[in-house]
Amino acid sequence: MATARLRNLRMAPRKARIIAKMIRGQNVTTAINQLRFTKKAGAREFFKLLVSAVANAEDRGGVDVDNLVVSTVMVDQGATMKRWRPRAQGRATRIEKKTSHITVEVTETSN
């Protein structure tokens, strides 16, 4: 089992969970190809994170990359940046720019 973490990604967790659901439980090569051709905004970051998890598994040694499966993908909410937008009659509205923490785990299956 090998993990890779991405912290403080400037993307709302709700949007990142859509991509996480796509690759969870899939073979690594299938997940990488799916992320490569997905037009979602965070697909590139998930791609880089998954490649990093595979590299971590290879670095540990004794792992066949062809048998790796994306076992866990967790998306948690990170810190929220608060900004202000001017509105009519001197008022202001708060804008929350959310961030995400993403964890990807890959494990080897016995095929």
C-alpha atoms as a PDB file:
ATOM      1  CA  MET A   1       0.000   0.000   0.000  1.00  0.00           C
ATOM      2  CA  ALA A   2       1.287   3.453  -0.907  1.00  0.00           C
ATOM      3  CA  THR A   3      -0.255   6.867  -0.382  1.00  0.00           C
ATOM      4  CA  ALA A   4       0.052  10.355  -1.795  1.00  0.00           C
ATOM      5  CA  ARG A   5      -1.451  13.526  -0.340  1.00  0.00           C
ATOM      6  CA  LEU A   6      -2.297  16.890  -1.818  1.00  0.00           C
ATOM      7  CA  ARG A   7      -3.105  19.630   0.641  1.00  0.00           C
ATOM      8  CA  ASN A   8      -4.740  23.029   0.127  1.00  0.00           C
ATOM      9  CA  LEU A   9      -5.906  22.466  -3.440  1.00  0.00           C
ATOM     10  CA  ARG A  10      -7.823  25.586  -4.518  1.00  0.00           C
ATOM     11  CA  MET A  11     -10.946  23.674  -5.450  1.00  0.00           C
ATOM     12  CA  ALA A  12     -14.148  23.129  -3.529  1.00  0.00           C
ATOM     13  CA  PRO A  13     -14.394  19.636  -2.020  1.00  0.00           C
ATOM     14  CA  ARG A  14     -17.814  19.143  -3.590  1.00  0.00           C
ATOM     15  CA  LYS A  15     -16.287  19.459  -7.055  1.00  0.00           C
ATOM     16  CA  ALA A  16     -13.255  17.332  -6.208  1.00  0.00           C
ATOM     17  CA  ARG A  17     -15.414  14.482  -4.886  1.00  0.00           C
ATOM     18  CA  ILE A  18     -16.955  14.046  -8.339  1.00  0.00           C
ATOM     19  CA  ILE A  19     -13.534  13.212  -9.768  1.00  0.00           C
ATOM     20  CA  ALA A  20     -12.659  11.046  -6.760  1.00  0.00           C
ATOM     21  CA  LYS A  21     -15.781   8.955  -7.291  1.00  0.00           C
ATOM     22  CA  MET A  22     -14.749   8.352 -10.924  1.00  0.00           C
ATOM     23  CA  ILE A  23     -11.413   6.689 -10.093  1.00  0.00           C
ATOM     24  CA  ARG A  24     -12.153   4.971  -6.778  1.00  0.00           C
ATOM     25  CA  GLY A  25     -11.766   1.177  -7.018  1.00  0.00           C
ATOM     26  CA  GLN A  26     -10.353   1.172 -10.548  1.00  0.00           C
ATOM     27  CA  ASN A  27      -7.153  -0.276 -11.908  1.00  0.00           C
ATOM     28  CA  VAL A  28      -4.374   2.329 -11.911  1.00  0.00           C
ATOM     29  CA  THR A  29      -3.827   2.299 -15.674  1.00  0.00           C
ATOM     30  CA  THR A  30      -7.555   2.694 -16.308  1.00  0.00           C
ATOM     31  CA  ALA A  31      -7.797   5.524 -13.777  1.00  0.00           C
ATOM     32  CA  ILE A  32      -4.791   7.337 -15.261  1.00  0.00           C
ATOM     33  CA  ASN A  33      -6.244   7.123 -18.776  1.00  0.00           C
ATOM     34  CA  GLN A  34      -9.629   8.287 -17.559  1.00  0.00           C
ATOM     35  CA  LEU A  35      -8.110  11.290 -15.785  1.00  0.00           C
ATOM     36  CA  ARG A  36      -5.956  12.166 -18.765  1.00  0.00           C
ATOM     37  CA  PHE A  37      -8.992  12.673 -21.010  1.00  0.00           C
ATOM     38  CA  THR A  38     -11.446  14.125 -18.501  1.00  0.00           C
ATOM     39  CA  LYS A  39     -12.335  17.785 -18.972  1.00  0.00           C
ATOM     40  CA  LYS A  40     -13.098  18.442 -15.288  1.00  0.00           C
ATOM     41  CA  ALA A  41     -11.036  21.215 -13.710  1.00  0.00           C
ATOM     42  CA  GLY A  42      -9.304  19.123 -11.048  1.00  0.00           C
ATOM     43  CA  ALA A  43      -8.523  16.113 -13.237  1.00  0.00           C
ATOM     44  CA  ARG A  44      -4.956  17.289 -13.831  1.00  0.00           C
ATOM     45  CA  GLU A  45      -4.234  17.513 -10.098  1.00  0.00           C
ATOM     46  CA  PHE A  46      -5.746  14.065  -9.506  1.00  0.00           C
ATOM     47  CA  PHE A  47      -3.642  12.711 -12.379  1.00  0.00           C
ATOM     48  CA  LYS A  48      -0.441  14.070 -10.881  1.00  0.00           C
ATOM     49  CA  LEU A  49      -1.400  12.778  -7.443  1.00  0.00           C
ATOM     50  CA  LEU A  50      -2.156   9.287  -8.733  1.00  0.00           C
ATOM     51  CA  VAL A  51       1.137   9.128 -10.646  1.00  0.00           C
ATOM     52  CA  SER A  52       2.887  10.177  -7.434  1.00  0.00           C
ATOM     53  CA  ALA A  53       1.164   7.389  -5.477  1.00  0.00           C
ATOM     54  CA  VAL A  54       2.286   4.844  -8.084  1.00  0.00           C
ATOM     55  CA  ALA A  55       5.846   6.181  -7.876  1.00  0.00           C
ATOM     56  CA  ASN A  56       5.712   5.859  -4.081  1.00  0.00           C
ATOM     57  CA  ALA A  57       4.592   2.235  -4.446  1.00  0.00           C
ATOM     58  CA  GLU A  58       7.455   1.531  -6.860  1.00  0.00           C
ATOM     59  CA  ASP A  59       9.916   3.205  -4.517  1.00  0.00           C
ATOM     60  CA  ARG A  60       8.909   0.878  -1.684  1.00  0.00           C
ATOM     61  CA  GLY A  61       9.867  -2.048  -3.908  1.00  0.00           C
ATOM     62  CA  GLY A  62       8.372  -5.451  -4.566  1.00  0.00           C
ATOM     63  CA  VAL A  63       5.255  -4.063  -6.258  1.00  0.00           C
ATOM     64  CA  ASP A  64       3.996  -4.906  -9.730  1.00  0.00           C
ATOM     65  CA  VAL A  65       2.573  -1.690 -11.169  1.00  0.00           C
ATOM     66  CA  ASP A  66       0.177  -3.582 -13.454  1.00  0.00           C
ATOM     67  CA  ASN A  67      -1.639  -5.032 -10.403  1.00  0.00           C
ATOM     68  CA  LEU A  68      -2.134  -1.742  -8.565  1.00  0.00           C
ATOM     69  CA  VAL A  69      -5.672  -0.604  -7.765  1.00  0.00           C
ATOM     70  CA  VAL A  70      -6.896   2.742  -6.447  1.00  0.00           C
ATOM     71  CA  SER A  71      -8.218   1.507  -3.110  1.00  0.00           C
ATOM     72  CA  THR A  72      -9.009   4.767  -1.312  1.00  0.00           C
ATOM     73  CA  VAL A  73      -9.615   8.329  -2.458  1.00  0.00           C
ATOM     74  CA  MET A  74     -10.574  10.774   0.272  1.00  0.00           C
ATOM     75  CA  VAL A  75     -11.436  14.428  -0.230  1.00  0.00           C
ATOM     76  CA  ASP A  76     -11.616  16.528   2.933  1.00  0.00           C
ATOM     77  CA  GLN A  77     -12.296  20.234   3.292  1.00  0.00           C
ATOM     78  CA  GLY A  78      -9.306  22.433   3.982  1.00  0.00           C
ATOM     79  CA  ALA A  79      -9.064  26.003   5.113  1.00  0.00           C
ATOM     80  CA  THR A  80     -11.532  28.508   3.695  1.00  0.00           C
ATOM     81  CA  MET A  81     -10.331  31.877   2.447  1.00  0.00           C
ATOM     82  CA  LYS A  82     -12.799  34.659   3.191  1.00  0.00           C
ATOM     83  CA  ARG A  83     -13.129  37.525   0.725  1.00  0.00           C
ATOM     84  CA  TRP A  84     -15.582  40.436   0.415  1.00  0.00           C
ATOM     85  CA  ARG A  85     -17.553  41.584  -2.607  1.00  0.00           C
ATOM     86  CA  PRO A  86     -19.043  45.081  -2.716  1.00  0.00           C
ATOM     87  CA  ARG A  87     -22.809  45.211  -3.182  1.00  0.00           C
ATOM     88  CA  ALA A  88     -25.443  47.899  -3.610  1.00  0.00           C
ATOM     89  CA  GLN A  89     -25.947  50.732  -1.102  1.00  0.00           C
ATOM     90  CA  GLY A  90     -22.571  50.313   0.591  1.00  0.00           C
ATOM     91  CA  ARG A  91     -23.129  46.737   1.697  1.00  0.00           C
ATOM     92  CA  ALA A  92     -20.743  43.812   1.272  1.00  0.00           C
ATOM     93  CA  THR A  93     -21.223  40.079   0.799  1.00  0.00           C
ATOM     94  CA  ARG A  94     -18.785  37.451   1.967  1.00  0.00           C
ATOM     95  CA  ILE A  95     -17.292  35.059  -0.587  1.00  0.00           C
ATOM     96  CA  GLU A  96     -15.824  31.787   0.671  1.00  0.00           C
ATOM     97  CA  LYS A  97     -13.044  30.300  -1.442  1.00  0.00           C
ATOM     98  CA  LYS A  98     -12.807  26.714  -0.295  1.00  0.00           C
ATOM     99  CA  THR A  99      -9.803  24.379  -0.439  1.00  0.00           C
ATOM    100  CA  SER A 100      -9.474  20.609  -0.385  1.00  0.00           C
ATOM    101  CA  HIS A 101      -7.146  18.006   1.079  1.00  0.00           C
ATOM    102  CA  ILE A 102      -6.924  14.892  -1.099  1.00  0.00           C
ATOM    103  CA  THR A 103      -5.494  11.488  -0.127  1.00  0.00           C
ATOM    104  CA  VAL A 104      -4.994   8.662  -2.631  1.00  0.00           C
ATOM    105  CA  GLU A 105      -4.066   5.103  -1.615  1.00  0.00           C
ATOM    106  CA  VAL A 106      -3.057   2.385  -4.051  1.00  0.00           C
ATOM    107  CA  THR A 107      -2.798  -1.292  -3.140  1.00  0.00           C
ATOM    108  CA  GLU A 108      -1.673  -4.367  -5.030  1.00  0.00           C
ATOM    109  CA  THR A 109      -4.201  -7.014  -5.957  1.00  0.00           C
ATOM    110  CA  SER A 110      -3.317 -10.676  -6.271  1.00  0.00           C
ATOM    111  CA  ASN A 111      -4.022 -11.484  -9.934  1.00  0.00           C
END
